[in-house]
Amino acid sequence: QMQLVESGGGLVQPGGSLRLSCTASGTSLDFYSVAWFRQTPGKEREGVSCIGRPNYGPNYADSVKGRFTTSRDDAKNTVYLQMNSLKPEDTGVYYCAADMAWAYYGGKCQKDYNYWGQGTQVTVSS
């Protein structure tokens, strides 16, 4: 059974950077697609980025293109979300999710993932 743990969230000023980590235990991420989602109160959970195997993606939501970068380190069984030029509207709880299937259609990273982390809070505020 895969378990995902996010880390790296926190409080940052507008224009700042954070790097989130999503580390898996119980199963290797080698053959899994991994996505990052974020949720703010009153809004639907939004797919931020997704990366798949063998060479799918990474794909990004329009709102973060050019600012966020997803990468994976197979040796550490970890996927990262580097977030630069952060804006107040990036505030939310960020979740990583994993699945054997590739769930990107309609131009979006979809929520069809079986495994989810507990989330990490990102707050962008001065």
Foldseek 3Di string as FASTA:
>chain_A
DKAWAKDWADEAAAQAKIKIKIAIPPDQCQQKKKWKWWDDPPDDIFTAFIAGPDGDDGAGDPVQPPFWDWDDDRVRSMIMIIGGRDDQVVWGWMKMFIDNDQQAPPSGRDPPGDYIYPTDTHGYHD
